[in-house]
Amino acid sequence: MGYRFPAEWEKHRATWLSYPHNETSWPGKIHTIFPFYHEFIRNLAQGEQVNINVTGPEMRSSVELSLARAGVNMDAITMYAFPTNDAWCRDHGPAFVVNPDLPYPKAIVNWEYNGWGRKYPAGLDNMIPSKISELLGLPVFHPGIVMEGGAVDFNGRGTVITTTSCLLHPNRNPGLSKLQIEKYLVDYYGLEQVLWLGDGIEGDDTNGHVDDLTRFVNVDTVITMVEHNRSEANFMPLKENVKTLNSIRLTSGRQLNVIELPMPEPLYYQGQRLPASYANFYIANSGVMVPVFNCKQDEKALEILSSCFTDRPVTGIDSVEIIWGLGSWHCLSQQEPL
């Protein structure tokens, strides 16, 4: 039918969020995340509609008050009583595809979501795409396999990048081969090319989502995380990813342009390694929101990303508290294109 998944930098109609409420995701610390989460929303609301899934009227009232106090443009905020298990809308939210030449120029691909390999309850989360499709009156496609938004990144022109460590993990779709999974990606995202990387970063309990590793910043350019400390566990996997990326040719025949981004200093909480990465940025209409971690690499990362996005501002938002949930701004958000 000619639908395609747009690049994240293409114009949004809205960003979808699922408001955090599950204390098991931020054990003992969920109360610390909200100033930073609200700052993220404040930035989003400067350039687009922000649609927020909440558990019901009580949460709606509380969130409205909190956002207003945080200086958020409340005219840009709409809340929906769509209960969720958790806040990671990148993975459980709808995958919007577009084709302006069809009577329905926008549709939703409703992949299955199983809590990153049945690690966490996901029954409510798995219903979110259907609820949003009913709300918006959009056609829905049901591939019938598990796929998470954080596992894939797109250039909007027929290429997706992903990882074998996640998509080929037996806790997702154990009956499918690599070629079969590629066919699902091609058929339902409207693609011509699937690029495979290897392992994810330390501390990532999603089995290696690509949005902590490598992201398209334009049609033929990616940023990719690198670790310069040879004694770090991330050193070799990230080095291998760079080697793979440098060998790639796009469907146009052009070599992929690879820009290296330094990993932040290792971050731990209660002895647990956290998946801190600058690659988990979100590209909104009003700017690029980048997780920062109060370390010396922050400034360099923002400088590199600012050189990549000359059409909109790049803003660092403190992610030290948020990352205890094992994700950041990209994990928490899902774009709806025009």
Protein backbone atom coordinates (compact mmCIF):
# COMPACT_ATOMS: atom_id res chain seq x y z
CA MET A 1 0.00 0.00 0.00
CA GLY A 2 3.03 2.27 0.01
CA TYR A 3 3.00 3.24 3.70
CA ARG A 4 6.38 4.11 5.24
CA PHE A 5 7.69 4.93 8.69
CA PRO A 6 8.92 8.57 8.63
CA ALA A 7 12.23 9.70 10.05
CA GLU A 8 11.95 11.19 13.52
CA TRP A 9 13.11 14.62 12.30
CA GLU A 10 10.13 14.90 9.94
CA LYS A 11 7.33 17.15 11.18
CA HIS A 12 5.24 15.79 14.06
CA ARG A 13 1.56 16.30 14.69
CA ALA A 14 2.14 15.20 18.28
CA THR A 15 4.29 13.29 20.73
CA TRP A 16 2.68 10.49 22.77
CA LEU A 17 3.74 9.78 26.35
CA SER A 18 2.60 7.40 29.08
CA TYR A 19 2.90 9.18 32.42
CA PRO A 20 5.20 7.39 34.91
CA HIS A 21 3.42 5.76 37.84
CA ASN A 22 4.96 2.31 38.30
CA GLU A 23 7.30 2.50 41.28
CA THR A 24 8.91 -0.83 40.40
CA SER A 25 10.55 0.89 37.43
CA TRP A 26 12.27 3.43 39.69
CA PRO A 27 12.54 1.52 42.98
CA GLY A 28 12.62 3.94 45.87
CA LYS A 29 13.21 6.93 43.55
CA ILE A 30 10.18 7.57 41.37
CA HIS A 31 9.49 10.82 43.24
CA THR A 32 12.86 12.18 42.08
CA ILE A 33 12.20 11.91 38.33
CA PHE A 34 9.30 14.31 37.89
CA PRO A 35 11.11 17.68 37.77
CA PHE A 36 13.19 16.38 34.85
CA TYR A 37 10.28 14.58 33.18
CA HIS A 38 8.22 17.78 33.37
CA GLU A 39 11.12 19.74 31.87
CA PHE A 40 11.08 17.29 28.97
CA ILE A 41 7.34 17.90 28.48
CA ARG A 42 7.81 21.67 28.76
CA ASN A 43 10.29 21.54 25.88
CA LEU A 44 8.04 19.30 23.78
CA ALA A 45 5.01 21.54 24.27
CA GLN A 46 6.84 24.50 22.75
CA GLY A 47 6.55 22.95 19.30
CA GLU A 48 3.83 20.30 19.16
CA GLN A 49 0.83 18.70 20.79
CA VAL A 50 1.70 16.39 23.69
CA ASN A 51 -0.73 13.52 24.26
CA ILE A 52 -0.33 11.80 27.62
CA ASN A 53 -1.78 8.44 28.64
CA VAL A 54 -2.90 8.48 32.29
CA THR A 55 -4.56 5.87 34.47
CA GLY A 56 -7.76 7.87 35.07
CA PRO A 57 -9.36 11.13 36.30
CA GLU A 58 -7.40 11.29 39.57
CA MET A 59 -4.06 11.09 37.81
CA ARG A 60 -5.26 13.54 35.16
CA SER A 61 -6.01 16.20 37.79
CA SER A 62 -2.71 15.65 39.58
CA VAL A 63 -0.66 15.75 36.38
CA GLU A 64 -2.42 18.88 35.10
CA LEU A 65 -1.54 20.69 38.33
CA SER A 66 2.08 19.49 38.26
CA LEU A 67 2.61 20.47 34.63
CA ALA A 68 1.06 23.91 35.11
CA ARG A 69 3.36 24.52 38.09
CA ALA A 70 6.33 23.48 35.90
CA GLY A 71 5.50 26.21 33.38
CA VAL A 72 4.25 23.88 30.65
CA ASN A 73 2.11 25.34 27.86
CA MET A 74 -1.12 23.60 28.89
CA ASP A 75 -2.83 24.49 25.61
CA ALA A 76 -0.57 21.89 24.00
CA ILE A 77 -1.40 19.12 26.51
CA THR A 78 -4.16 16.52 26.07
CA MET A 79 -4.62 13.58 28.42
CA TYR A 80 -6.35 10.30 27.75
CA ALA A 81 -7.55 7.74 30.30
CA PHE A 82 -5.59 4.91 28.70
CA PRO A 83 -4.08 2.93 31.63
CA THR A 84 -0.60 1.48 31.16
CA ASN A 85 1.68 -0.84 33.06
CA ASP A 86 4.62 1.49 32.61
CA ALA A 87 5.96 4.69 31.02
CA TRP A 88 8.01 3.39 28.06
CA CYS A 89 5.85 4.66 25.22
CA ARG A 90 8.58 4.17 22.60
CA ASP A 91 8.10 0.43 22.96
CA HIS A 92 4.38 0.05 23.66
CA GLY A 93 3.05 3.06 21.74
CA PRO A 94 1.69 2.98 18.19
CA ALA A 95 4.01 2.86 15.18
CA PHE A 96 2.61 5.48 12.80
CA VAL A 97 3.13 5.00 9.06
CA VAL A 98 2.19 7.45 6.30
CA ASN A 99 1.26 7.59 2.62
CA PRO A 100 -0.18 10.96 1.51
CA ASP A 101 -1.57 9.43 -1.70
CA LEU A 102 -4.05 7.15 0.08
CA PRO A 103 -7.58 8.01 1.34
CA TYR A 104 -6.21 7.28 4.82
CA PRO A 105 -2.81 9.01 4.66
CA LYS A 106 -1.84 7.76 8.12
CA ALA A 107 -2.16 4.33 9.72
CA ILE A 108 -0.89 2.41 12.75
CA VAL A 109 1.15 -0.77 12.87
CA ASN A 110 0.15 -2.59 16.06
CA TRP A 111 3.10 -4.82 16.89
CA GLU A 112 2.89 -7.11 19.90
CA TYR A 113 4.70 -6.01 23.06
CA ASN A 114 5.73 -8.54 25.72
CA GLY A 115 7.63 -6.46 28.29
CA TRP A 116 11.09 -6.98 26.72
CA GLY A 117 10.86 -10.73 26.67
CA ARG A 118 8.31 -11.19 29.49
CA LYS A 119 10.54 -9.49 32.03
CA TYR A 120 7.68 -7.24 33.18
CA PRO A 121 3.84 -7.21 33.03
CA ALA A 122 2.69 -5.71 29.73
CA GLY A 123 -1.01 -6.49 29.27
CA LEU A 124 -2.20 -2.88 29.56
CA ASP A 125 0.73 -1.54 27.54
CA ASN A 126 -0.02 -3.95 24.71
CA MET A 127 -3.50 -2.42 24.32
CA ILE A 128 -2.31 1.17 23.79
CA PRO A 129 -1.95 1.13 19.97
CA SER A 130 -5.50 -0.22 19.57
CA LYS A 131 -6.91 2.42 21.91
CA ILE A 132 -5.12 5.21 20.03
CA SER A 133 -6.20 3.88 16.63
CA GLU A 134 -9.83 3.86 17.78
CA LEU A 135 -9.45 7.39 19.16
CA LEU A 136 -7.97 8.72 15.91
CA GLY A 137 -10.05 6.58 13.55
CA LEU A 138 -6.98 5.21 11.77
CA PRO A 139 -6.52 1.91 9.92
CA VAL A 140 -4.52 -0.68 11.85
CA PHE A 141 -2.18 -3.42 10.68
CA HIS A 142 -1.49 -6.42 12.96
CA PRO A 143 1.78 -8.20 12.08
CA GLY A 144 1.32 -10.57 15.02
CA ILE A 145 4.97 -10.57 16.15
CA VAL A 146 6.84 -8.79 18.96
CA MET A 147 8.57 -5.56 17.95
CA GLU A 148 9.61 -2.57 20.08
CA GLY A 149 10.10 1.01 18.92
CA GLY A 150 13.46 1.30 20.67
CA ALA A 151 14.78 -1.68 18.72
CA VAL A 152 14.67 0.14 15.37
CA ASP A 153 15.78 3.50 13.96
CA PHE A 154 14.90 4.89 10.53
CA ASN A 155 16.24 7.30 7.93
CA GLY A 156 12.76 7.78 6.44
CA ARG A 157 14.01 6.73 3.00
CA GLY A 158 13.79 2.98 3.16
CA THR A 159 16.53 2.03 5.64
CA VAL A 160 16.25 0.79 9.22
CA ILE A 161 19.03 -0.04 11.66
CA THR A 162 18.61 -2.62 14.44
CA THR A 163 20.54 -5.21 16.50
CA THR A 164 20.80 -8.98 16.39
CA SER A 165 21.06 -9.08 20.19
CA CYS A 166 17.50 -7.81 20.52
CA LEU A 167 15.51 -8.88 17.47
CA LEU A 168 17.03 -12.37 17.31
CA HIS A 169 16.77 -13.00 21.05
CA PRO A 170 14.67 -16.10 21.79
CA ASN A 171 12.52 -14.18 24.28
CA ARG A 172 10.92 -12.16 21.44
CA ASN A 173 10.02 -14.29 18.39
CA PRO A 174 11.73 -17.67 18.88
CA GLY A 175 10.08 -19.27 15.85
CA LEU A 176 11.36 -16.71 13.36
CA SER A 177 14.64 -16.63 11.48
CA LYS A 178 16.65 -13.49 10.73
CA LEU A 179 15.33 -13.47 7.15
CA GLN A 180 11.73 -13.82 8.32
CA ILE A 181 12.11 -10.92 10.76
CA GLU A 182 13.65 -8.82 7.99
CA LYS A 183 10.60 -9.52 5.83
CA TYR A 184 8.27 -8.29 8.60
CA LEU A 185 10.33 -5.10 8.92
CA VAL A 186 10.32 -4.51 5.16
CA ASP A 187 6.61 -5.27 4.73
CA TYR A 188 5.19 -3.33 7.67
CA TYR A 189 7.57 -0.36 7.88
CA GLY A 190 7.84 0.15 4.12
CA LEU A 191 11.58 -0.54 3.83
CA GLU A 192 14.20 -1.53 1.29
CA GLN A 193 17.19 -2.17 3.56
CA VAL A 194 17.76 -3.61 7.04
CA LEU A 195 21.13 -2.86 8.70
CA TRP A 196 22.18 -5.13 11.55
CA LEU A 197 24.48 -4.26 14.45
CA GLY A 198 25.56 -6.63 17.22
CA ASP A 199 25.35 -6.11 20.98
CA GLY A 200 23.86 -3.32 23.07
CA ILE A 201 25.40 -1.43 25.98
CA GLU A 202 25.97 -2.57 29.55
CA GLY A 203 22.97 -2.15 31.86
CA ASP A 204 20.37 -2.26 29.07
CA ASP A 205 17.72 -4.82 30.07
CA THR A 206 16.05 -4.65 26.65
CA ASN A 207 18.69 -7.01 25.22
CA GLY A 208 20.32 -4.26 23.20
CA HIS A 209 17.98 -1.59 21.84
CA VAL A 210 19.54 0.38 19.02
CA ASP A 211 18.32 3.71 20.42
CA ASP A 212 21.09 3.47 23.03
CA LEU A 213 23.69 2.72 20.35
CA THR A 214 23.25 4.24 16.93
CA ARG A 215 20.78 6.79 15.52
CA PHE A 216 20.16 8.36 12.15
CA VAL A 217 20.57 12.14 12.20
CA ASN A 218 19.88 12.57 8.48
CA VAL A 219 19.22 10.32 5.49
CA ASP A 220 22.81 9.07 5.14
CA THR A 221 24.39 9.91 8.53
CA VAL A 222 24.36 8.16 11.89
CA ILE A 223 25.83 9.00 15.24
CA THR A 224 27.15 5.97 17.09
CA MET A 225 28.36 5.59 20.65
CA VAL A 226 32.04 4.77 21.26
CA GLU A 227 33.96 3.95 24.41
CA HIS A 228 37.59 5.11 24.59
CA ASN A 229 38.45 3.30 27.82
CA ARG A 230 39.77 -0.14 26.79
CA SER A 231 39.04 -1.58 30.23
CA GLU A 232 35.32 -0.78 29.91
CA ALA A 233 32.90 -3.59 29.03
CA ASN A 234 31.41 -1.44 26.26
CA PHE A 235 34.74 -0.93 24.50
CA MET A 236 34.78 -3.97 22.19
CA PRO A 237 31.05 -4.20 21.32
CA LEU A 238 30.95 -0.51 20.37
CA LYS A 239 34.19 -0.82 18.41
CA GLU A 240 32.67 -3.72 16.44
CA ASN A 241 29.57 -1.66 15.72
CA VAL A 242 31.72 1.17 14.30
CA LYS A 243 33.52 -1.32 12.09
CA THR A 244 30.20 -2.65 10.80
CA LEU A 245 28.81 0.83 10.16
CA ASN A 246 31.90 1.90 8.22
CA SER A 247 31.43 -1.04 5.86
CA ILE A 248 27.82 -0.22 4.97
CA ARG A 249 26.54 1.12 1.68
CA LEU A 250 23.00 2.54 1.51
CA THR A 251 20.51 1.70 -1.23
CA SER A 252 21.69 4.85 -3.03
CA GLY A 253 25.17 3.34 -3.23
CA ARG A 254 26.58 5.96 -0.89
CA GLN A 255 28.71 5.00 2.08
CA LEU A 256 27.07 5.57 5.42
CA ASN A 257 28.48 8.67 7.12
CA VAL A 258 29.44 7.71 10.69
CA ILE A 259 29.91 10.27 13.49
CA GLU A 260 31.30 8.99 16.78
CA LEU A 261 29.80 10.11 20.08
CA PRO A 262 31.65 9.43 23.37
CA MET A 263 30.00 7.36 26.06
CA PRO A 264 29.36 9.17 29.34
CA GLU A 265 31.21 8.07 32.45
CA PRO A 266 29.83 4.79 33.84
CA LEU A 267 26.81 5.39 36.05
CA TYR A 268 25.76 3.09 38.88
CA TYR A 269 22.99 3.07 41.46
CA GLN A 270 22.91 0.58 44.34
CA GLY A 271 25.66 -1.32 42.57
CA GLN A 272 23.71 -1.68 39.33
CA ARG A 273 25.18 -0.47 36.03
CA LEU A 274 22.76 1.90 34.30
CA PRO A 275 22.41 2.24 30.49
CA ALA A 276 23.50 5.88 30.30
CA SER A 277 23.88 6.94 26.66
CA TYR A 278 23.64 10.19 24.73
CA ALA A 279 22.10 8.27 21.81
CA ASN A 280 18.76 8.16 23.64
CA PHE A 281 17.88 11.67 22.46
CA TYR A 282 14.45 12.62 21.10
CA ILE A 283 14.01 14.75 17.98
CA ALA A 284 10.97 17.02 18.49
CA ASN A 285 9.62 19.87 16.38
CA SER A 286 11.01 22.41 18.84
CA GLY A 287 14.44 20.84 19.28
CA VAL A 288 16.49 17.80 20.18
CA MET A 289 16.29 16.71 23.84
CA VAL A 290 19.46 14.91 24.90
CA PRO A 291 19.99 12.98 28.15
CA VAL A 292 22.97 14.33 30.09
CA PHE A 293 24.61 12.84 33.15
CA ASN A 294 26.57 15.56 34.96
CA CYS A 295 29.94 14.38 33.64
CA LYS A 296 32.74 15.82 31.55
CA GLN A 297 31.53 14.16 28.32
CA ASP A 298 28.19 16.01 28.39
CA GLU A 299 29.55 19.17 26.76
CA LYS A 300 31.30 17.28 23.95
CA ALA A 301 28.22 15.21 23.21
CA LEU A 302 26.00 18.29 22.99
CA GLU A 303 28.55 20.00 20.75
CA ILE A 304 28.62 17.04 18.34
CA LEU A 305 24.84 16.71 18.24
CA SER A 306 24.43 20.45 17.71
CA SER A 307 26.61 20.15 14.61
CA CYS A 308 24.29 17.39 13.36
CA PHE A 309 21.03 19.28 13.91
CA THR A 310 21.54 22.78 12.53
CA ASP A 311 17.80 23.30 11.93
CA ARG A 312 16.73 23.15 15.59
CA PRO A 313 18.26 23.70 19.03
CA VAL A 314 19.89 20.85 20.96
CA THR A 315 19.12 20.86 24.70
CA GLY A 316 20.59 18.68 27.42
CA ILE A 317 18.13 17.54 30.09
CA ASP A 318 19.48 15.94 33.27
CA SER A 319 18.85 12.20 33.06
CA VAL A 320 20.66 10.97 36.17
CA GLU A 321 17.40 10.22 38.00
CA ILE A 322 15.43 9.07 34.95
CA ILE A 323 18.08 6.53 33.90
CA TRP A 324 17.51 4.53 37.11
CA GLY A 325 14.39 3.33 35.23
CA LEU A 326 16.82 1.97 32.58
CA GLY A 327 15.73 4.36 29.84
CA SER A 328 15.60 8.05 28.96
CA TRP A 329 13.86 10.57 26.69
CA HIS A 330 13.66 8.48 23.52
CA CYS A 331 12.43 5.45 25.44
CA LEU A 332 9.69 7.54 27.02
CA SER A 333 8.26 9.08 23.82
CA GLN A 334 6.67 8.13 20.51
CA GLN A 335 6.14 10.57 17.65
CA GLU A 336 2.97 10.92 15.61
CA PRO A 337 3.76 12.35 12.16
CA LEU A 338 1.55 14.83 10.32
